[in-house]
Amino acid sequence: MKTALAIALVILLTAAIGVCETTASGEASSLTSQKPAIDTSDTAWVLMSAAFVMLMTPGLAFFYGGLVRRKNMLSILMQCFIVLAVLSVQWVLIGYSLSFSPGNGFIGGLKWFGLNGVGFEPYPAYSATIPHQAFMIFQAMFAVITPALIIGAFAERMKFSAFLIFTLLWATFVYDPVAHMVWGVGGWLKNLGVLDFAGGTVVHINAGIAALVTAIIVGKRKGYCHNPTPPHNLPFSVLGAALLWFGWFGFNAGSALSANAVATNAFVVTNTAGAIAALTWAFLDWKLSGRPTMLGTISGAIAGLAAITPAAGYVGIWAALIIGIVASIFCFVAVSFVKRAFHYDDSLDAFGIHGISGFWGVIATGLFATKLINPAGANGLLAGNARQFFIQLAAAAATLVYAFVGTFIIYKLVDVFVGVRVVDEEEAMGLDLTQHNERAYTMLE
C-alpha cells in the first residue's frame, strides 16, 4: 500500500512539473513563490547559535586559565583550543554519525561516516526547517565544549599527550553514546521520554562525573593541602564567565532549532537563572565570610546557567528563579564543604559546579516542566505527571553510571600506555614550559 502511494505521488509530481513547464509565466511565478522546505530565519538562527556556542570554548579557556597559577595559564589555553580543533575533526568523521545516525538504543552507526548522506536538505527527525548540516555543526559545538569542561578537574598536572588521547577516546566512547541515548533517533533515554533541552545529562552530568573520576584518580596537586592556590588573574576569569554567559544564549535558545517562542522563552529563563544564581552565591559569601566575592559571583552564574540548560525549553520564569537559587546553594555547599570533607582536588570545581548543577537541573525539569511553555514537551510532577520526574531521575542516574565507568576505563588505559601525570619536577616548573616550551607572560627584569 505504501509503495503504491509512493508511486502515485511520484506520478503526480512528474505531472505537476510538466504542467509548470507549459504554463504562462504568471502561473510559473506563482509556483516558485511558494515557501521552500528550508526556513532561512531558522537556519540563520541555528548557525548564529552554533557560533555563540563555539565562543564558549575560548571563553572557558579564559575562565579556567585565570583560576590556575601563572605558570600553567598557557597550558589551559592550549588544552581548550586544541579540543576545538581535535573534536571538530572527530565530529565530522565519526562523532556525528555515532551520536545521531540511526542505530540501536545505545549508539548510532557509521552510516554518516565523513558526513556521507548529511547534506543541505532538512532531516525531519531532528529539524524540518534547517539543513541537516546546520544541525550537525550546531551539535558539533556541544561535542567540543563538553570534554573541555573536564579540564578543570585535572588542571596543572596532566601530560599534554595523555590529554589528547584521553579527550579523543572520551568523546568517542562516552560523549557520543550518551548523546545518542538522549537525543539520537532510537536512543534508549529518548524513547523513554527524557526531557533534556540543551544538555543537562549529555553535557553537564556527563562532564561533571568524568571530572570527579579524573580528579580522584590523578591525585592532588603537589602542596594542595598546605599551600593555597588563589586565582592568578581573576579579571581573565570574569572575562571568560562573561563569554560563557553570552554563549549560553546560543547553547539553550539555539536548541529550539527555530526562531520561535520556545527559543525566546529559553533565552529569557537562561538569563534569569544565571542572574539569580550569581546573586545567591554573592549573598552566601557575604553572609558567611563577611564579603561578597567576584569569584563566588561568577561561579554562581555558571552554576545557574548549567542548571537551567536541560529545562530551558520547558519551564517558565518562576521555575527558572527557583532552579537558579537552588543550584547556587547546592554548588556552594559542594565547592566549600563537600570537596574539603572528602579530600579530592577538583582543581577548578568542574564537578562541584557542572556535575552538581547538571544533576539538579535534570531533576528540576521533571518537577517544573509544563506543556504551557512547550506543547512538544511534557508536564512534570508539579503539573500532575509524576512519571516524568522518575524518568528524569532514571536518566540522570544512567548517565552518572555510564560516565563514571567509561571515564574510569579510558583513564586507566591511557595511564597504562602513555602515563597520565607529569613528573614532580615538571609540575613544579609548570606545564607552560614543560609541555609547550612557551610562557603566557614575559617577565622583564
Protein backbone atom coordinates (compact mmCIF):
# COMPACT_ATOMS: atom_id res chain seq x y z
CA MET A 1 0.00 0.00 0.00
CA LYS A 2 2.79 2.43 0.96
CA THR A 3 4.68 1.55 -2.22
CA ALA A 4 1.58 2.21 -4.34
CA LEU A 5 1.07 5.57 -2.66
CA ALA A 6 4.70 6.50 -3.24
CA ILE A 7 4.44 5.61 -6.95
CA ALA A 8 1.25 7.62 -7.24
CA LEU A 9 2.94 10.59 -5.56
CA VAL A 10 5.88 10.42 -7.98
CA ILE A 11 3.48 10.35 -10.94
CA LEU A 12 1.58 13.35 -9.60
CA LEU A 13 4.80 15.30 -9.03
CA THR A 14 6.02 14.47 -12.52
CA ALA A 15 2.72 15.63 -13.98
CA ALA A 16 2.91 18.83 -11.96
CA ILE A 17 6.40 19.56 -13.31
CA GLY A 18 5.14 19.05 -16.84
CA VAL A 19 2.27 21.45 -16.23
CA CYS A 20 4.67 24.06 -14.83
CA GLU A 21 6.80 23.90 -17.96
CA THR A 22 3.81 24.66 -20.21
CA THR A 23 2.04 27.31 -18.13
CA ALA A 24 2.15 31.03 -18.61
CA SER A 25 4.92 32.98 -16.85
CA GLY A 26 2.48 34.36 -14.27
CA GLU A 27 1.45 30.86 -13.17
CA ALA A 28 5.10 29.75 -13.03
CA SER A 29 5.93 32.76 -10.89
CA SER A 30 3.11 31.78 -8.53
CA LEU A 31 4.54 28.31 -8.10
CA THR A 32 8.11 29.47 -7.47
CA SER A 33 6.95 31.89 -4.78
CA GLN A 34 5.81 29.05 -2.53
CA LYS A 35 7.67 28.75 0.79
CA PRO A 36 10.69 26.40 0.49
CA ALA A 37 11.23 23.47 2.86
CA ILE A 38 14.16 25.30 4.45
CA ASP A 39 13.27 28.30 6.61
CA THR A 40 16.02 30.88 6.20
CA SER A 41 15.32 32.63 9.51
CA ASP A 42 15.53 29.32 11.41
CA THR A 43 18.72 28.44 9.56
CA ALA A 44 20.29 31.80 10.32
CA TRP A 45 19.39 31.49 14.00
CA VAL A 46 20.86 27.99 14.33
CA LEU A 47 24.08 28.93 12.50
CA MET A 48 24.47 32.03 14.65
CA SER A 49 23.78 29.96 17.77
CA ALA A 50 26.49 27.50 16.69
CA ALA A 51 28.91 30.43 16.54
CA PHE A 52 27.78 31.51 20.03
CA VAL A 53 28.47 28.03 21.40
CA MET A 54 31.84 27.88 19.65
CA LEU A 55 32.84 31.06 21.51
CA MET A 56 32.16 29.30 24.81
CA THR A 57 35.26 27.12 24.46
CA PRO A 58 37.77 30.01 24.32
CA GLY A 59 35.59 31.65 26.98
CA LEU A 60 36.08 28.56 29.12
CA ALA A 61 39.82 28.81 28.47
CA PHE A 62 39.91 32.30 29.99
CA PHE A 63 37.57 31.28 32.83
CA TYR A 64 39.76 28.31 33.77
CA GLY A 65 43.04 29.96 32.82
CA GLY A 66 42.57 32.87 35.20
CA LEU A 67 41.97 30.46 38.08
CA VAL A 68 45.19 28.45 37.79
CA ARG A 69 48.68 29.56 38.74
CA ARG A 70 50.55 31.81 36.34
CA LYS A 71 52.94 29.03 35.26
CA ASN A 72 50.03 26.98 33.91
CA MET A 73 47.94 29.65 32.19
CA LEU A 74 49.11 28.83 28.67
CA SER A 75 48.55 25.10 29.17
CA ILE A 76 44.86 25.73 29.86
CA LEU A 77 44.52 27.91 26.79
CA MET A 78 46.26 25.26 24.70
CA GLN A 79 44.12 22.41 26.02
CA CYS A 80 40.86 24.25 25.34
CA PHE A 81 41.96 25.42 21.90
CA ILE A 82 43.23 22.00 20.83
CA VAL A 83 39.92 20.44 21.91
CA LEU A 84 38.17 22.75 19.47
CA ALA A 85 40.44 21.53 16.68
CA VAL A 86 40.52 17.81 17.52
CA LEU A 87 36.82 17.40 18.23
CA SER A 88 35.79 19.39 15.16
CA VAL A 89 37.60 16.82 13.01
CA GLN A 90 36.42 13.83 15.06
CA TRP A 91 32.83 15.05 14.83
CA VAL A 92 32.65 15.29 11.04
CA LEU A 93 34.44 11.97 10.58
CA ILE A 94 32.70 9.70 13.09
CA GLY A 95 31.32 11.62 16.06
CA TYR A 96 28.15 12.92 14.45
CA SER A 97 27.38 9.54 12.92
CA LEU A 98 27.90 7.71 16.22
CA SER A 99 25.72 10.24 18.03
CA PHE A 100 22.84 10.87 15.63
CA SER A 101 22.70 8.33 12.80
CA PRO A 102 20.12 5.54 13.10
CA GLY A 103 21.47 2.73 15.25
CA ASN A 104 20.38 0.87 18.34
CA GLY A 105 19.28 2.25 21.69
CA PHE A 106 22.83 2.96 22.86
CA ILE A 107 24.89 4.07 19.88
CA GLY A 108 24.42 5.20 16.29
CA GLY A 109 26.25 3.57 13.41
CA LEU A 110 28.76 4.72 10.82
CA LYS A 111 26.16 5.34 8.14
CA TRP A 112 27.09 9.03 8.12
CA PHE A 113 30.87 8.50 8.27
CA GLY A 114 32.62 11.58 6.95
CA LEU A 115 29.20 13.29 6.68
CA ASN A 116 28.20 10.89 3.93
CA GLY A 117 24.48 11.49 3.47
CA VAL A 118 24.49 14.58 5.67
CA GLY A 119 23.58 17.22 3.13
CA PHE A 120 21.79 20.50 2.73
CA GLU A 121 18.25 19.18 2.86
CA PRO A 122 16.44 19.03 6.22
CA TYR A 123 16.45 15.80 8.19
CA PRO A 124 12.93 15.87 9.67
CA ALA A 125 13.74 13.55 12.59
CA TYR A 126 15.85 16.37 14.04
CA SER A 127 14.57 19.52 12.36
CA ALA A 128 12.33 20.03 9.35
CA THR A 129 13.24 23.66 8.65
CA ILE A 130 17.05 23.81 8.58
CA PRO A 131 19.70 21.99 6.52
CA HIS A 132 20.93 18.76 8.01
CA GLN A 133 24.46 20.15 8.06
CA ALA A 134 23.28 23.17 10.06
CA PHE A 135 22.01 20.83 12.76
CA MET A 136 25.25 18.86 12.56
CA ILE A 137 27.53 21.86 13.07
CA PHE A 138 25.39 23.18 15.91
CA GLN A 139 25.73 19.86 17.68
CA ALA A 140 29.47 19.84 16.93
CA MET A 141 29.97 22.77 19.28
CA PHE A 142 28.33 20.84 22.12
CA ALA A 143 30.68 17.94 21.44
CA VAL A 144 33.63 20.35 21.62
CA ILE A 145 32.88 22.09 24.90
CA THR A 146 31.81 19.01 26.89
CA PRO A 147 35.25 17.35 27.17
CA ALA A 148 36.77 20.82 27.62
CA LEU A 149 34.78 21.18 30.85
CA ILE A 150 36.65 18.20 32.32
CA ILE A 151 39.94 20.10 32.10
CA GLY A 152 39.04 21.94 35.29
CA ALA A 153 39.36 18.73 37.32
CA PHE A 154 42.96 17.81 36.42
CA ALA A 155 44.36 21.25 35.63
CA GLU A 156 48.09 21.76 36.24
CA ARG A 157 49.10 18.10 36.32
CA MET A 158 48.25 16.10 33.16
CA LYS A 159 50.63 15.41 30.26
CA PHE A 160 49.53 17.05 27.04
CA SER A 161 49.97 13.81 25.07
CA ALA A 162 47.81 11.93 27.57
CA PHE A 163 45.26 14.73 27.49
CA LEU A 164 44.91 14.46 23.70
CA ILE A 165 44.41 10.69 23.76
CA PHE A 166 42.06 10.79 26.74
CA THR A 167 39.92 13.54 25.17
CA LEU A 168 39.58 11.75 21.83
CA LEU A 169 38.69 8.43 23.45
CA TRP A 170 36.30 10.02 25.93
CA ALA A 171 34.46 11.93 23.22
CA THR A 172 34.11 8.79 21.10
CA PHE A 173 33.19 6.24 23.76
CA VAL A 174 31.44 8.35 26.40
CA TYR A 175 30.07 11.56 24.91
CA ASP A 176 28.85 10.12 21.60
CA PRO A 177 26.90 7.20 23.13
CA VAL A 178 25.27 9.43 25.76
CA ALA A 179 24.32 11.97 23.08
CA HIS A 180 22.73 9.18 21.06
CA MET A 181 20.86 7.73 24.03
CA VAL A 182 19.36 11.11 24.92
CA TRP A 183 18.96 12.89 21.57
CA GLY A 184 19.50 10.39 18.75
CA VAL A 185 16.78 8.65 16.78
CA GLY A 186 16.07 5.37 18.55
CA GLY A 187 18.07 6.35 21.62
CA TRP A 188 17.10 4.47 24.78
CA LEU A 189 16.57 7.50 27.01
CA LYS A 190 14.94 9.46 24.20
CA ASN A 191 12.42 6.67 23.73
CA LEU A 192 11.91 6.57 27.49
CA GLY A 193 10.75 10.19 27.26
CA VAL A 194 13.55 12.10 28.98
CA LEU A 195 13.46 15.88 28.68
CA ASP A 196 16.90 17.39 28.13
CA PHE A 197 16.52 20.55 26.13
CA ALA A 198 20.18 21.52 25.76
CA GLY A 199 22.40 19.09 27.65
CA GLY A 200 21.86 18.60 31.36
CA THR A 201 22.65 14.90 31.01
CA VAL A 202 24.68 14.90 27.79
CA VAL A 203 26.92 17.82 28.76
CA HIS A 204 26.89 18.68 32.44
CA ILE A 205 26.31 15.39 34.28
CA ASN A 206 28.47 13.61 31.73
CA ALA A 207 31.41 16.00 32.04
CA GLY A 208 30.89 16.55 35.76
CA ILE A 209 31.14 12.86 36.62
CA ALA A 210 34.16 12.48 34.33
CA ALA A 211 35.73 15.40 36.18
CA LEU A 212 35.14 13.75 39.55
CA VAL A 213 36.65 10.46 38.38
CA THR A 214 39.76 12.06 36.90
CA ALA A 215 40.26 14.37 39.89
CA ILE A 216 40.24 11.41 42.27
CA ILE A 217 42.43 9.09 40.19
CA VAL A 218 45.03 11.62 39.05
CA GLY A 219 45.56 12.73 42.63
CA LYS A 220 46.05 16.08 44.30
CA ARG A 221 48.37 18.81 43.09
CA LYS A 222 51.66 18.91 44.96
CA GLY A 223 51.24 21.00 48.10
CA TYR A 224 47.48 21.22 47.62
CA CYS A 225 46.70 20.64 51.28
CA HIS A 226 49.30 23.11 52.56
CA ASN A 227 49.69 25.90 50.01
CA PRO A 228 46.69 27.94 48.87
CA THR A 229 46.40 28.43 45.11
CA PRO A 230 44.42 31.64 44.58
CA PRO A 231 43.50 32.70 41.02
CA HIS A 232 46.47 34.34 39.35
CA ASN A 233 44.32 36.58 37.13
CA LEU A 234 40.72 36.94 38.26
CA PRO A 235 39.85 39.54 35.56
CA PHE A 236 40.59 36.84 32.95
CA SER A 237 38.11 34.56 34.72
CA VAL A 238 35.48 37.30 34.75
CA LEU A 239 36.02 37.79 31.01
CA GLY A 240 35.66 34.04 30.50
CA ALA A 241 32.47 33.91 32.57
CA ALA A 242 31.00 36.76 30.53
CA LEU A 243 31.80 34.94 27.28
CA LEU A 244 30.27 31.77 28.65
CA TRP A 245 27.10 33.62 29.67
CA PHE A 246 26.88 35.16 26.22
CA GLY A 247 27.45 31.82 24.50
CA TRP A 248 24.83 30.15 26.69
CA PHE A 249 22.10 32.03 24.81
CA GLY A 250 23.09 30.07 21.71
CA PHE A 251 23.53 26.92 23.77
CA ASN A 252 20.00 27.00 25.19
CA ALA A 253 17.88 29.22 22.95
CA GLY A 254 19.55 27.76 19.86
CA SER A 255 18.42 24.30 20.93
CA ALA A 256 14.90 25.23 19.89
CA LEU A 257 16.32 24.88 16.36
CA SER A 258 13.92 27.59 15.27
CA ALA A 259 13.45 31.32 15.74
CA ASN A 260 10.21 30.92 17.68
CA ALA A 261 8.52 31.35 21.05
CA VAL A 262 10.31 28.37 22.62
CA ALA A 263 13.67 29.92 21.72
CA THR A 264 12.52 33.20 23.24
CA ASN A 265 11.47 31.50 26.45
CA ALA A 266 14.78 29.61 26.62
CA PHE A 267 16.69 32.88 26.19
CA VAL A 268 14.76 34.61 28.97
CA VAL A 269 14.92 31.81 31.53
CA THR A 270 18.61 31.23 30.80
CA ASN A 271 19.47 34.82 31.62
CA THR A 272 17.19 34.79 34.67
CA ALA A 273 18.61 31.60 36.18
CA GLY A 274 22.19 32.77 35.67
CA ALA A 275 21.45 36.15 37.23
CA ILE A 276 19.64 34.90 40.33
CA ALA A 277 22.29 32.22 40.90
CA ALA A 278 25.05 34.85 40.76
CA LEU A 279 23.20 36.96 43.31
CA THR A 280 22.60 33.94 45.54
CA TRP A 281 26.28 32.94 45.66
CA ALA A 282 27.33 36.56 46.30
CA PHE A 283 24.86 36.73 49.18
CA LEU A 284 26.12 33.43 50.63
CA ASP A 285 29.71 34.70 50.50
CA TRP A 286 28.65 37.96 52.11
CA LYS A 287 26.70 36.24 54.86
CA LEU A 288 29.21 33.52 55.70
CA SER A 289 32.57 35.22 55.14
CA GLY A 290 31.67 38.86 55.58
CA ARG A 291 32.29 39.99 51.97
CA PRO A 292 30.82 39.19 48.56
CA THR A 293 33.50 37.90 46.18
CA MET A 294 33.95 38.21 42.44
CA LEU A 295 34.98 34.55 42.17
CA GLY A 296 31.85 33.48 44.02
CA THR A 297 29.62 35.65 41.86
CA ILE A 298 30.89 34.24 38.56
CA SER A 299 30.82 30.70 39.99
CA GLY A 300 27.18 31.19 40.91
CA ALA A 301 26.35 32.48 37.45
CA ILE A 302 27.88 29.40 35.81
CA ALA A 303 26.02 27.13 38.24
CA GLY A 304 22.68 28.74 37.40
CA LEU A 305 23.33 28.65 33.66
CA ALA A 306 24.28 24.97 33.81
CA ALA A 307 21.23 24.08 35.90
CA ILE A 308 18.72 25.75 33.57
CA THR A 309 20.23 24.05 30.50
CA PRO A 310 18.05 20.90 30.46
CA ALA A 311 14.93 22.83 31.48
CA ALA A 312 15.23 25.96 29.34
CA GLY A 313 12.67 24.90 26.74
CA TYR A 314 10.15 23.51 29.21
CA VAL A 315 9.86 25.86 32.21
CA GLY A 316 8.74 29.42 32.88
CA ILE A 317 10.24 32.36 34.71
CA TRP A 318 9.29 31.39 38.27
CA ALA A 319 10.72 27.92 37.88
CA ALA A 320 13.91 29.46 36.46
CA LEU A 321 14.28 31.60 39.58
CA ILE A 322 13.93 28.56 41.84
CA ILE A 323 16.28 26.47 39.72
CA GLY A 324 18.94 29.20 39.81
CA ILE A 325 18.72 29.77 43.56
CA VAL A 326 18.83 26.09 44.47
CA ALA A 327 21.67 25.41 42.00
CA SER A 328 23.78 28.13 43.57
CA ILE A 329 23.17 26.78 47.09
CA PHE A 330 23.94 23.18 46.11
CA CYS A 331 27.12 24.13 44.26
CA PHE A 332 28.25 26.47 47.03
CA VAL A 333 27.99 23.60 49.51
CA ALA A 334 29.74 21.18 47.15
CA VAL A 335 32.64 23.57 46.48
CA SER A 336 33.01 24.93 50.01
CA PHE A 337 32.39 21.87 52.17
CA VAL A 338 31.98 18.55 50.32
CA LYS A 339 35.28 18.77 48.44
CA ARG A 340 37.14 19.50 51.66
CA ALA A 341 35.35 16.75 53.56
CA PHE A 342 36.29 14.08 51.00
CA HIS A 343 39.79 15.48 50.30
CA TYR A 344 39.78 15.32 46.50
CA ASP A 345 41.36 18.00 44.32
CA ASP A 346 38.82 19.06 41.71
CA SER A 347 41.10 21.95 40.81
CA LEU A 348 38.59 24.32 39.24
CA ASP A 349 35.39 22.72 40.57
CA ALA A 350 34.26 21.12 37.33
CA PHE A 351 32.27 18.52 39.25
CA GLY A 352 31.25 20.87 42.06
CA ILE A 353 29.63 23.27 39.59
CA HIS A 354 28.79 21.42 36.38
CA GLY A 355 28.10 17.96 37.78
CA ILE A 356 26.02 19.12 40.73
CA SER A 357 24.07 21.78 38.84
CA GLY A 358 23.54 19.45 35.88
CA PHE A 359 22.07 16.77 38.10
CA TRP A 360 19.81 19.30 39.84
CA GLY A 361 18.72 20.78 36.50
CA VAL A 362 17.67 17.42 35.09
CA ILE A 363 15.67 16.60 38.23
CA ALA A 364 14.17 20.12 38.31
CA THR A 365 12.98 19.63 34.74
CA GLY A 366 10.96 16.67 35.98
CA LEU A 367 9.48 18.91 38.65
CA PHE A 368 8.68 22.12 36.77
CA ALA A 369 8.21 21.20 33.08
CA THR A 370 4.89 22.24 31.63
CA LYS A 371 3.25 21.93 28.22
CA LEU A 372 2.05 25.51 28.63
CA ILE A 373 5.60 26.52 27.74
CA ASN A 374 6.30 23.84 25.16
CA PRO A 375 3.45 21.64 23.86
CA ALA A 376 6.02 19.30 22.34
CA GLY A 377 7.46 18.57 25.78
CA ALA A 378 5.75 17.02 28.77
CA ASN A 379 4.30 18.02 32.10
CA GLY A 380 6.40 17.49 35.20
CA LEU A 381 5.50 16.43 38.72
CA LEU A 382 4.01 19.80 39.73
CA ALA A 383 1.80 19.75 36.64
CA GLY A 384 0.41 16.34 37.59
CA ASN A 385 2.81 13.99 35.81
CA ALA A 386 4.83 12.09 38.41
CA ARG A 387 6.10 9.67 35.77
CA GLN A 388 8.21 12.40 34.16
CA PHE A 389 10.01 13.05 37.42
CA PHE A 390 11.08 9.42 37.67
CA ILE A 391 12.13 9.36 34.02
CA GLN A 392 14.39 12.34 34.69
CA LEU A 393 15.82 10.67 37.77
CA ALA A 394 16.49 7.46 35.82
CA ALA A 395 18.20 9.38 33.01
CA ALA A 396 20.42 11.25 35.46
CA ALA A 397 21.37 8.03 37.23
CA ALA A 398 22.06 6.17 33.98
CA THR A 399 24.28 8.98 32.71
CA LEU A 400 26.12 9.09 36.02
CA VAL A 401 26.87 5.36 35.96
CA TYR A 402 27.86 5.24 32.31
CA ALA A 403 30.12 8.30 32.55
CA PHE A 404 31.74 7.01 35.74
CA VAL A 405 32.55 3.56 34.35
CA GLY A 406 33.52 4.77 30.87
CA THR A 407 35.81 7.52 32.18
CA PHE A 408 37.50 5.18 34.66
CA ILE A 409 38.29 2.60 31.97
CA ILE A 410 39.58 5.17 29.48
CA TYR A 411 41.73 6.90 32.09
CA LYS A 412 43.30 3.62 33.19
CA LEU A 413 44.06 2.59 29.60
CA VAL A 414 45.72 5.91 28.82
CA ASP A 415 47.71 5.74 32.04
CA VAL A 416 48.98 2.25 31.23
CA PHE A 417 50.14 3.09 27.72
CA VAL A 418 51.44 6.67 27.96
CA GLY A 419 51.20 7.72 31.61
CA VAL A 420 48.80 10.50 32.57
CA ARG A 421 50.52 12.65 35.16
CA VAL A 422 53.61 14.77 34.66
CA VAL A 423 56.58 14.09 36.92
CA ASP A 424 57.04 16.18 40.07
CA GLU A 425 59.77 18.37 38.57
CA GLU A 426 57.62 19.28 35.59
CA GLU A 427 54.65 20.04 37.80
CA ALA A 428 56.79 22.31 39.96
CA MET A 429 58.16 24.12 36.92
CA GLY A 430 54.71 24.47 35.35
CA LEU A 431 53.09 22.98 32.27
CA ASP A 432 53.59 26.09 30.13
CA LEU A 433 57.33 25.46 29.88
CA THR A 434 57.48 21.69 30.28
CA GLN A 435 54.66 20.79 27.87
CA HIS A 436 54.79 23.66 25.38
CA ASN A 437 58.13 25.46 25.86
CA GLU A 438 56.28 28.78 25.98
CA ARG A 439 55.26 31.30 28.60
CA ALA A 440 51.94 33.05 28.99
CA TYR A 441 53.74 36.13 30.31
CA THR A 442 57.11 37.70 29.63
CA MET A 443 58.68 38.96 32.84
CA LEU A 444 61.13 41.81 32.44
CA GLU A 445 63.95 42.40 34.91
